[in-house]
């Protein structure tokens, strides 16, 4: 039954929920995630806050799964907002898993939902400041990450050669930004927009895992050296994403929202 505009939220975590709370008033949320327990927990939180939520399964690393989700929501109503907040952390995944989910999965979402998003609609991709920590790529590598066919991305020489999970994560997040910029042209043909946001250290359960994991020792150093001097919150990311989703003249952009960590690195205050 087509009776409401649709907000597609892929990823049931705190950041995605914070964004949805700001743009889904009077709309129907389709909350999709790989893990049934996570998706039902997230749906209950949003329902308790008064939102109309339907859940669906999706594995963003599988092309057929993403295509099936896009086909489902296209039947339910006009897709006015797409929030892609699914991803995995380098503390709990192999390099290959990170490439499959964070790099290829994002490319699949941009491609499939670029086929069905409504005119006037908008999307947001959650990238990361980690994409800004990567050394410069060659123009050819940038172009490949932006426009190579999705089924070729994981097999690109420099992608397949990533040495560890953190390197894979940084590369995937750089690709998210590049891929979003390229997708903005295709989405624009439908009268729609898409942007990325690159958060810094945002306090979520996943971030807490990183704090206590092997890479956590660097977090206090980054936070202390940043201009903000603190972690960020999901609600702050939600506010910024609502701005990007609701501003008609912004598309193909990536908003770095890290409290000044990358600026401190560039200035040499962080090694």
Protein backbone atom coordinates (compact mmCIF):
# COMPACT_ATOMS: atom_id res chain seq x y z
CA UNK A 1 0.00 0.00 0.00
CA UNK A 2 1.48 3.34 -1.12
CA UNK A 3 0.36 5.84 1.46
CA UNK A 4 3.42 7.68 2.77
CA UNK A 5 6.76 9.03 1.69
CA UNK A 6 9.53 6.61 2.59
CA UNK A 7 12.70 7.21 4.60
CA UNK A 8 15.10 4.31 4.09
CA UNK A 9 17.47 3.86 7.02
CA UNK A 10 20.17 1.26 6.37
CA UNK A 11 21.95 0.47 9.62
CA UNK A 12 20.21 0.40 12.98
CA UNK A 13 22.87 2.20 15.01
CA UNK A 14 22.75 5.42 16.99
CA UNK A 15 23.89 7.77 14.23
CA UNK A 16 21.35 6.52 11.70
CA UNK A 17 18.56 6.78 14.26
CA UNK A 18 19.60 10.33 15.14
CA UNK A 19 19.35 11.34 11.48
CA UNK A 20 16.01 9.63 10.97
CA UNK A 21 14.50 11.39 13.99
CA UNK A 22 15.12 14.71 12.27
CA UNK A 23 13.74 13.98 8.79
CA UNK A 24 11.08 11.27 9.18
CA UNK A 25 8.18 13.26 10.66
CA UNK A 26 4.98 12.16 8.92
CA UNK A 27 6.90 9.67 6.82
CA UNK A 28 7.33 5.92 7.01
CA UNK A 29 10.74 4.59 8.02
CA UNK A 30 12.00 1.37 6.48
CA UNK A 31 14.75 0.29 8.85
CA UNK A 32 17.06 -2.31 7.31
CA UNK A 33 19.97 -4.15 8.90
CA UNK A 34 21.76 -7.46 8.68
CA UNK A 35 21.15 -8.39 12.31
CA UNK A 36 17.52 -9.10 13.35
CA UNK A 37 18.09 -8.27 17.00
CA UNK A 38 19.66 -4.91 16.17
CA UNK A 39 16.97 -3.93 13.70
CA UNK A 40 14.12 -4.77 16.08
CA UNK A 41 15.79 -2.94 18.95
CA UNK A 42 16.29 0.15 16.78
CA UNK A 43 12.73 -0.04 15.49
CA UNK A 44 11.34 -0.20 19.03
CA UNK A 45 13.29 2.93 20.01
CA UNK A 46 11.92 4.85 17.03
CA UNK A 47 8.38 3.54 17.50
CA UNK A 48 8.46 4.57 21.15
CA UNK A 49 9.32 8.07 19.92
CA UNK A 50 6.22 8.12 17.71
CA UNK A 51 7.62 7.10 14.32
CA UNK A 52 6.05 4.71 11.81
CA UNK A 53 8.68 1.98 11.34
CA UNK A 54 8.78 -1.17 9.25
CA UNK A 55 11.82 -3.46 9.33
CA UNK A 56 13.53 -5.34 6.54
CA UNK A 57 16.64 -7.52 6.22
CA UNK A 58 19.61 -6.44 4.12
CA UNK A 59 23.21 -7.48 3.66
CA UNK A 60 24.85 -4.50 1.97
CA UNK A 61 27.79 -6.64 0.86
CA UNK A 62 25.49 -8.72 -1.36
CA UNK A 63 24.24 -7.10 -4.55
CA UNK A 64 21.06 -9.16 -4.70
CA UNK A 65 20.14 -8.22 -1.13
CA UNK A 66 20.53 -4.48 -1.76
CA UNK A 67 18.57 -4.72 -5.00
CA UNK A 68 15.77 -6.61 -3.22
CA UNK A 69 15.54 -3.92 -0.53
CA UNK A 70 15.37 -1.18 -3.17
CA UNK A 71 12.63 -3.06 -5.03
CA UNK A 72 10.65 -3.53 -1.82
CA UNK A 73 10.68 0.11 -0.76
CA UNK A 74 9.91 1.32 -4.28
CA UNK A 75 6.61 -0.54 -4.04
CA UNK A 76 5.68 1.06 -0.74
CA UNK A 77 5.88 4.75 -1.60
CA UNK A 78 8.05 7.56 -2.86
CA UNK A 79 11.59 7.25 -1.48
CA UNK A 80 12.34 10.79 -0.31
CA UNK A 81 15.31 10.09 1.99
CA UNK A 82 18.03 7.44 1.96
CA UNK A 83 20.28 7.22 5.03
CA UNK A 84 23.17 4.80 4.60
CA UNK A 85 24.65 4.29 8.06
CA UNK A 86 25.68 0.63 7.89
CA UNK A 87 29.31 -0.28 8.37
CA UNK A 88 31.80 -2.28 10.38
CA UNK A 89 34.73 -1.31 12.54
CA UNK A 90 38.36 -2.31 11.98
CA UNK A 91 38.46 -3.70 15.51
CA UNK A 92 35.98 -6.43 14.67
CA UNK A 93 36.58 -7.24 11.00
CA UNK A 94 39.17 -8.41 8.50
CA UNK A 95 40.39 -6.16 5.68
CA UNK A 96 38.34 -8.19 3.22
CA UNK A 97 35.16 -7.77 5.29
CA UNK A 98 35.69 -4.02 5.54
CA UNK A 99 36.17 -3.72 1.79
CA UNK A 100 33.04 -5.82 1.20
CA UNK A 101 30.79 -3.88 3.58
CA UNK A 102 32.16 -0.35 3.84
CA UNK A 103 33.44 0.09 0.29
CA UNK A 104 31.50 -2.25 -2.00
CA UNK A 105 28.35 -2.10 0.15
CA UNK A 106 28.21 1.68 -0.03
CA UNK A 107 28.70 1.59 -3.78
CA UNK A 108 25.82 -0.89 -4.10
CA UNK A 109 23.50 1.28 -2.03
CA UNK A 110 24.33 4.39 -4.06
CA UNK A 111 23.75 2.50 -7.30
CA UNK A 112 20.51 0.72 -6.44
CA UNK A 113 18.83 3.59 -4.64
CA UNK A 114 19.95 5.99 -7.33
CA UNK A 115 17.58 4.08 -9.60
CA UNK A 116 14.48 4.59 -7.43
CA UNK A 117 14.91 7.75 -5.32
CA UNK A 118 12.10 10.22 -5.92
CA UNK A 119 12.57 13.53 -7.65
CA UNK A 120 13.32 16.05 -4.92
CA UNK A 121 14.67 13.28 -2.70
CA UNK A 122 18.05 13.17 -1.00
CA UNK A 123 20.53 10.71 0.44
CA UNK A 124 23.30 10.77 3.00
CA UNK A 125 26.27 8.41 3.33
CA UNK A 126 28.13 8.07 6.61
CA UNK A 127 31.82 8.10 5.72
CA UNK A 128 34.55 8.92 8.28
CA UNK A 129 37.42 11.25 9.05
CA UNK A 130 39.54 8.11 8.49
CA UNK A 131 39.20 8.78 4.79
CA UNK A 132 41.18 12.00 5.30
CA UNK A 133 44.01 10.15 7.07
CA UNK A 134 44.94 8.18 3.97
CA UNK A 135 47.99 9.37 1.99
CA UNK A 136 47.10 10.92 -1.38
CA UNK A 137 46.03 8.51 -4.08
CA UNK A 138 46.88 8.89 -7.75
CA UNK A 139 44.31 10.52 -10.03
CA UNK A 140 43.78 7.11 -11.65
CA UNK A 141 43.11 5.46 -8.29
CA UNK A 142 40.67 8.21 -7.33
CA UNK A 143 38.84 7.76 -10.62
CA UNK A 144 38.66 3.99 -10.16
CA UNK A 145 37.20 4.29 -6.66
CA UNK A 146 34.67 6.82 -7.93
CA UNK A 147 33.43 5.14 -11.08
CA UNK A 148 34.67 1.54 -11.48
CA UNK A 149 31.84 -1.00 -11.83
CA UNK A 150 30.80 -2.21 -8.39
CA UNK A 151 31.73 -5.83 -9.10
CA UNK A 152 35.30 -4.76 -9.91
CA UNK A 153 35.99 -2.58 -6.88
CA UNK A 154 37.27 -5.22 -4.48
CA UNK A 155 39.63 -6.60 -7.15
CA UNK A 156 41.40 -3.35 -7.96
CA UNK A 157 45.10 -3.94 -7.34
CA UNK A 158 45.55 -1.28 -4.67
CA UNK A 159 42.30 -2.26 -2.93
CA UNK A 160 43.12 -5.97 -2.81
CA UNK A 161 46.61 -5.16 -1.48
CA UNK A 162 45.54 -3.29 1.68
CA UNK A 163 47.80 -4.60 4.48
CA UNK A 164 45.48 -4.49 7.48
CA UNK A 165 41.99 -3.63 8.72
CA UNK A 166 42.75 0.01 9.53
CA UNK A 167 44.23 0.65 6.09
CA UNK A 168 41.19 -1.01 4.53
CA UNK A 169 38.89 1.19 6.62
CA UNK A 170 40.68 4.40 5.62
CA UNK A 171 40.59 3.41 1.96
CA UNK A 172 36.92 2.44 2.12
CA UNK A 173 35.97 5.75 3.70
CA UNK A 174 37.96 7.71 1.12
CA UNK A 175 36.05 5.73 -1.51
CA UNK A 176 32.74 6.62 0.14
CA UNK A 177 33.42 10.30 -0.42
CA UNK A 178 34.57 9.82 -4.00
CA UNK A 179 31.73 7.46 -4.83
CA UNK A 180 29.15 9.83 -3.39
CA UNK A 181 30.45 12.69 -5.50
CA UNK A 182 30.24 10.57 -8.64
CA UNK A 183 26.77 9.27 -7.71
CA UNK A 184 25.50 12.84 -7.30
CA UNK A 185 25.58 13.16 -11.09
CA UNK A 186 23.42 10.05 -11.58
CA UNK A 187 21.03 10.97 -8.76
CA UNK A 188 20.82 14.44 -10.24
CA UNK A 189 19.41 12.98 -13.46
CA UNK A 190 16.40 11.97 -11.34
CA UNK A 191 16.16 15.38 -9.68
CA UNK A 192 17.63 14.00 -6.44
CA UNK A 193 20.72 14.76 -4.36
CA UNK A 194 23.23 12.77 -2.33
CA UNK A 195 25.98 13.85 0.05
CA UNK A 196 28.40 12.27 2.50
CA UNK A 197 29.44 13.21 6.01
CA UNK A 198 32.74 12.22 7.61
CA UNK A 199 32.34 12.10 11.39
CA UNK A 200 35.22 12.05 13.82
CA UNK A 201 35.13 10.38 17.22
CA UNK A 202 31.38 10.10 17.87
CA UNK A 203 30.42 8.30 21.05
CA UNK A 204 28.42 5.23 20.13
CA UNK A 205 28.63 1.61 21.32
CA UNK A 206 30.83 0.85 18.32
CA UNK A 207 33.17 3.71 19.17
CA UNK A 208 33.42 2.43 22.73
CA UNK A 209 34.62 -0.91 21.33
CA UNK A 210 37.33 0.96 19.47
CA UNK A 211 38.31 2.89 22.62
CA UNK A 212 38.98 -0.35 24.48
CA UNK A 213 40.47 -2.09 21.44
CA UNK A 214 43.98 -2.07 20.05
CA UNK A 215 43.55 1.30 18.30
CA UNK A 216 41.98 3.02 21.30
CA UNK A 217 45.20 4.46 22.70
CA UNK A 218 45.29 7.07 19.96
CA UNK A 219 41.83 8.44 20.66
CA UNK A 220 42.66 10.52 23.77
CA UNK A 221 45.62 12.03 21.91
CA UNK A 222 43.44 13.05 18.96
CA UNK A 223 40.67 14.39 21.15
CA UNK A 224 42.98 16.43 23.36
CA UNK A 225 44.74 17.98 20.34
CA UNK A 226 41.53 18.85 18.53
CA UNK A 227 39.95 22.29 18.69
CA UNK A 228 36.75 20.86 20.17
CA UNK A 229 38.63 18.93 22.84
CA UNK A 230 35.88 16.36 23.21
CA UNK A 231 34.03 13.54 21.49
CA UNK A 232 31.00 14.23 19.36
CA UNK A 233 27.47 12.90 19.78
CA UNK A 234 25.09 11.16 17.38
CA UNK A 235 22.62 14.03 17.76
CA UNK A 236 25.22 16.50 16.48
CA UNK A 237 25.71 14.33 13.40
CA UNK A 238 21.94 14.11 13.06
CA UNK A 239 21.62 17.90 12.97
CA UNK A 240 24.29 18.25 10.30
CA UNK A 241 22.80 15.48 8.18
CA UNK A 242 19.35 17.04 8.39
CA UNK A 243 20.90 20.22 7.01
CA UNK A 244 22.48 18.33 4.11
CA UNK A 245 19.30 16.40 3.41
CA UNK A 246 17.15 19.54 3.41
CA UNK A 247 19.35 22.02 1.53
CA UNK A 248 18.55 21.87 -2.20
CA UNK A 249 21.79 23.43 -3.47
CA UNK A 250 24.16 20.93 -1.83
CA UNK A 251 24.96 17.68 -3.61
CA UNK A 252 28.09 15.62 -4.16
CA UNK A 253 29.69 17.09 -1.04
CA UNK A 254 31.45 15.48 1.91
CA UNK A 255 31.20 17.34 5.21
CA UNK A 256 34.15 16.67 7.54
CA UNK A 257 32.73 16.87 11.07
CA UNK A 258 35.51 15.80 13.41
CA UNK A 259 35.91 18.56 15.97
CA UNK A 260 39.13 19.66 14.29
CA UNK A 261 41.12 16.40 14.48
CA UNK A 262 42.19 16.41 10.84
CA UNK A 263 43.05 20.10 11.11
CA UNK A 264 45.29 19.29 14.08
CA UNK A 265 46.97 16.51 12.09
CA UNK A 266 47.55 18.84 9.17
CA UNK A 267 49.03 21.43 11.51
CA UNK A 268 51.42 18.83 12.93
CA UNK A 269 49.89 18.75 16.39
CA UNK A 270 49.11 15.06 16.04
CA UNK A 271 51.65 12.58 14.70
